[in-house]
N, C-alpha and C. Protein backbone atom coordinates (compact mmCIF):
# COMPACT_ATOMS: atom_id res chain seq x y z
N MET A 1 -24.32 68.82 59.11
CA MET A 1 -22.73 68.93 59.40
C MET A 1 -21.84 70.04 59.93
N HIS A 2 -21.21 69.87 60.83
CA HIS A 2 -20.26 71.74 61.32
C HIS A 2 -19.59 71.15 60.46
N ALA A 3 -19.04 72.69 60.29
CA ALA A 3 -17.40 72.82 59.83
C ALA A 3 -16.92 72.09 60.02
N SER A 4 -16.67 71.54 61.63
CA SER A 4 -15.30 71.29 62.05
C SER A 4 -15.35 69.73 60.69
N GLN A 5 -16.52 69.23 60.59
CA GLN A 5 -16.78 68.16 60.42
C GLN A 5 -16.34 68.04 58.96
N TRP A 6 -16.59 69.42 57.98
CA TRP A 6 -16.73 69.50 56.51
C TRP A 6 -14.92 69.70 56.38
N LEU A 7 -14.21 70.32 57.42
CA LEU A 7 -12.51 70.98 57.17
C LEU A 7 -12.50 69.32 57.20
N GLN A 8 -12.40 68.18 58.05
CA GLN A 8 -12.12 66.97 58.25
C GLN A 8 -11.89 66.06 56.95
N VAL A 9 -13.85 66.47 56.13
CA VAL A 9 -13.65 65.65 54.73
C VAL A 9 -12.86 66.34 54.23
N VAL A 10 -12.57 67.34 53.89
CA VAL A 10 -11.92 68.01 52.82
C VAL A 10 -10.73 67.95 52.75
N VAL A 11 -10.31 67.62 53.91
CA VAL A 11 -8.39 67.22 54.04
C VAL A 11 -8.46 65.98 53.52
N ALA A 12 -9.25 65.06 54.16
CA ALA A 12 -9.45 63.40 53.65
C ALA A 12 -8.97 63.47 52.35
N ALA A 13 -10.39 64.42 51.28
CA ALA A 13 -10.22 64.16 50.12
C ALA A 13 -8.93 64.31 49.35
N THR A 14 -8.67 65.48 49.93
CA THR A 14 -7.39 65.89 49.18
C THR A 14 -6.18 65.37 49.46
N LEU A 15 -6.00 64.54 50.71
CA LEU A 15 -5.20 63.52 50.98
C LEU A 15 -4.93 62.55 49.67
N VAL A 16 -6.48 61.86 49.77
CA VAL A 16 -6.62 60.78 49.42
C VAL A 16 -5.96 61.25 47.55
N ALA A 17 -6.61 62.20 47.09
CA ALA A 17 -7.04 62.66 45.98
C ALA A 17 -4.84 62.87 45.50
N ALA A 18 -4.30 63.22 46.42
CA ALA A 18 -2.56 63.57 46.37
C ALA A 18 -2.26 61.84 46.69
N CYS A 19 -2.44 61.53 46.86
CA CYS A 19 -1.90 59.85 47.17
C CYS A 19 -2.02 59.09 45.83
N ALA A 20 -3.22 59.54 45.41
CA ALA A 20 -3.76 58.35 44.46
C ALA A 20 -2.96 58.69 42.45
N ALA A 21 -3.09 60.44 42.80
CA ALA A 21 -1.92 61.51 41.99
C ALA A 21 -0.90 61.00 41.81
N TYR A 22 0.23 60.85 43.24
CA TYR A 22 1.18 60.52 43.31
C TYR A 22 1.44 59.08 42.93
N TRP A 23 0.53 57.97 43.12
CA TRP A 23 0.99 56.51 42.80
C TRP A 23 0.19 56.60 40.71
N LEU A 24 -0.78 56.97 40.22
CA LEU A 24 -0.64 56.85 38.95
C LEU A 24 0.35 57.63 38.62
N GLY A 25 1.14 58.80 38.76
CA GLY A 25 2.58 58.81 38.15
C GLY A 25 3.23 58.20 38.30
N ARG A 26 3.58 57.05 39.46
CA ARG A 26 4.76 56.40 39.03
C ARG A 26 4.23 55.10 39.03
N LEU A 27 2.73 54.05 38.78
CA LEU A 27 2.46 53.25 37.46
C LEU A 27 2.70 53.54 36.79
N PHE A 28 2.25 54.69 36.01
CA PHE A 28 2.21 55.26 34.73
C PHE A 28 2.80 56.39 34.02
N PRO A 29 4.01 56.69 34.59
CA PRO A 29 4.82 57.28 33.49
C PRO A 29 4.58 58.43 32.86
N ARG A 30 3.83 57.89 31.62
CA ARG A 30 3.41 58.42 30.50
C ARG A 30 1.75 59.67 31.02
N LEU A 31 1.88 58.74 32.35
CA LEU A 31 -0.25 60.11 32.48
C LEU A 31 0.61 61.11 33.28
N GLY A 32 2.05 60.48 34.14
CA GLY A 32 2.49 61.57 34.93
C GLY A 32 2.97 62.71 34.42
N GLN A 33 3.38 62.13 33.44
CA GLN A 33 4.17 64.01 32.48
C GLN A 33 3.15 64.88 31.67
N LYS A 34 1.83 63.95 31.28
CA LYS A 34 0.75 64.89 30.94
C LYS A 34 0.43 65.69 32.34
N GLY A 35 0.59 64.98 32.98
CA GLY A 35 -0.65 65.40 34.22
C GLY A 35 0.30 66.85 34.71
N TRP A 36 1.80 66.31 34.89
CA TRP A 36 2.70 67.32 34.41
C TRP A 36 2.79 68.68 33.86
N LEU A 37 2.49 68.47 32.19
CA LEU A 37 2.27 69.40 31.39
C LEU A 37 1.03 70.15 31.43
N ALA A 38 -0.07 69.90 31.95
CA ALA A 38 -1.22 70.15 31.92
C ALA A 38 -0.82 71.51 33.25
N THR A 39 -0.88 71.09 34.48
CA THR A 39 -0.15 71.71 35.57
C THR A 39 0.59 73.18 35.26
N ALA A 40 1.72 72.63 34.44
CA ALA A 40 2.30 73.74 34.08
C ALA A 40 1.42 75.14 33.24
N GLY A 41 1.19 74.09 32.09
CA GLY A 41 0.03 75.35 31.31
C GLY A 41 -1.27 75.89 32.15
N LEU A 42 -1.60 75.15 32.77
CA LEU A 42 -2.38 76.12 34.15
C LEU A 42 -1.96 77.00 35.18
N LEU A 43 -0.61 76.67 35.62
CA LEU A 43 0.26 77.82 35.90
C LEU A 43 0.59 78.87 34.80
N ARG A 44 0.61 78.66 34.09
CA ARG A 44 1.37 79.96 32.99
C ARG A 44 0.06 80.83 33.10
N ARG A 45 -1.34 79.83 32.27
CA ARG A 45 -2.71 81.46 32.44
C ARG A 45 -3.05 81.84 33.63
N LEU A 46 -2.41 81.35 34.81
CA LEU A 46 -3.39 81.53 35.89
C LEU A 46 -2.09 82.40 36.16
N HIS A 47 -1.04 82.68 35.81
CA HIS A 47 -0.24 84.08 36.26
C HIS A 47 0.59 83.60 37.48
N ALA A 48 0.86 82.36 37.63
CA ALA A 48 1.97 81.86 38.94
C ALA A 48 2.76 82.58 39.22
N PRO A 49 3.86 82.17 40.38
CA PRO A 49 5.25 82.69 39.85
C PRO A 49 6.00 81.67 38.88
N GLU A 50 6.84 82.45 37.79
CA GLU A 50 7.61 81.98 36.83
C GLU A 50 8.54 80.16 37.50
N ALA A 51 9.09 80.53 39.09
CA ALA A 51 9.82 79.44 38.72
C ALA A 51 8.83 78.23 39.37
N LEU A 52 7.39 78.31 39.75
CA LEU A 52 6.63 77.42 39.82
C LEU A 52 6.29 76.73 38.74
N ALA A 53 6.28 77.89 37.74
CA ALA A 53 5.72 77.11 36.37
C ALA A 53 6.89 76.01 35.60
N ASN A 54 8.36 76.84 36.09
CA ASN A 54 9.40 76.04 35.68
C ASN A 54 9.28 74.81 35.86
N HIS A 55 8.91 75.11 37.25
CA HIS A 55 9.32 73.41 38.26
C HIS A 55 8.45 72.54 37.57
N ALA A 56 6.83 72.72 37.00
CA ALA A 56 6.00 71.78 36.61
C ALA A 56 6.58 71.60 35.09
N GLN A 57 7.12 72.09 34.43
CA GLN A 57 7.56 72.37 32.97
C GLN A 57 9.09 71.64 33.03
N ALA A 58 9.68 71.56 33.92
CA ALA A 58 11.01 70.31 33.72
C ALA A 58 9.77 68.90 34.56
N LYS A 59 9.47 69.05 35.27
CA LYS A 59 8.83 67.30 36.20
C LYS A 59 8.20 67.02 34.87
N SER A 60 7.67 67.65 33.93
CA SER A 60 7.01 66.99 32.36
C SER A 60 7.37 66.24 31.67
N SER A 61 9.21 66.35 31.47
CA SER A 61 10.08 66.03 30.53
C SER A 61 10.40 64.36 30.82
N PRO A 62 10.79 63.59 30.20
CA PRO A 62 10.75 62.00 30.18
C PRO A 62 12.16 61.76 30.90
N ARG A 63 11.89 61.05 32.05
CA ARG A 63 13.18 61.10 32.34
C ARG A 63 14.20 59.82 32.04
N PRO A 64 15.59 59.90 31.57
CA PRO A 64 16.25 58.70 31.39
C PRO A 64 15.57 57.61 31.65
N LYS A 65 15.85 56.26 30.81
CA LYS A 65 15.73 54.79 31.08
C LYS A 65 16.97 55.00 31.51
N GLY A 66 16.61 53.24 32.46
CA GLY A 66 17.85 52.75 32.85
C GLY A 66 18.26 53.62 34.51
N GLY A 67 19.77 53.31 35.03
CA GLY A 67 20.30 53.39 35.98
C GLY A 67 19.91 52.93 37.19
N CYS A 68 20.22 53.69 38.54
CA CYS A 68 20.98 52.50 39.66
C CYS A 68 19.64 52.79 40.65
N GLY A 69 18.70 53.15 40.74
CA GLY A 69 16.97 52.87 41.09
C GLY A 69 17.05 54.05 42.15
N GLY A 70 17.52 53.64 43.09
CA GLY A 70 17.19 54.84 44.01
C GLY A 70 18.19 56.10 44.23
N CYS A 71 19.12 56.00 42.91
CA CYS A 71 20.31 56.79 43.12
C CYS A 71 19.60 58.61 42.41
N SER A 72 20.53 59.54 43.23
CA SER A 72 19.67 60.40 42.60
C SER A 72 20.91 61.31 41.43
N GLY A 73 21.78 60.23 41.17
CA GLY A 73 22.82 61.07 40.42
C GLY A 73 24.19 62.10 40.76
N CYS A 74 23.92 62.14 41.86
CA CYS A 74 25.12 62.93 43.02
C CYS A 74 26.16 62.29 42.47
N ALA A 75 26.45 61.22 42.30
CA ALA A 75 27.88 60.56 43.17
C ALA A 75 28.65 60.39 41.65
N GLY A 76 28.42 60.42 40.45
CA GLY A 76 28.31 60.34 39.35
C GLY A 76 27.93 59.09 38.21
N LYS A 77 28.77 58.61 37.58
CA LYS A 77 27.72 57.07 36.70
C LYS A 77 27.77 56.31 37.43
N ASP A 78 28.36 56.45 38.15
CA ASP A 78 28.69 54.44 39.14
C ASP A 78 27.55 54.75 40.23
N CYS A 79 27.01 55.90 40.62
CA CYS A 79 26.34 55.66 41.83
C CYS A 79 26.89 55.35 42.74
N ARG A 80 28.24 55.66 43.12
CA ARG A 80 28.48 54.56 44.39
C ARG A 80 29.17 56.10 45.33
N PRO A 81 29.40 55.72 46.23
CA PRO A 81 29.58 57.28 46.97
C PRO A 81 30.84 57.61 47.05
N LYS A 82 30.38 59.45 47.03
CA LYS A 82 32.08 60.12 46.80
C LYS A 82 32.50 59.67 48.36
N THR A 83 33.86 59.84 47.84
CA THR A 83 35.57 59.24 48.75
C THR A 83 35.79 60.45 48.60
């Protein structure tokens, strides 16, 4: 195989792995939380930027139950648009 073919295989495999990780996190939130926690630990051991490790740590905390579905919470408790 040529280098361009290997690059295509690597890009496709990375894309498939990223999609699988995303959907596993969406379908099984506990698994996603454990994955983010492991990622935060790995980033700290690798001495990655503190902001990156803190972001992964924040993503590992459980989300509150209920809510408005796709609401970002910026409009208040009722999720209606601000006027």
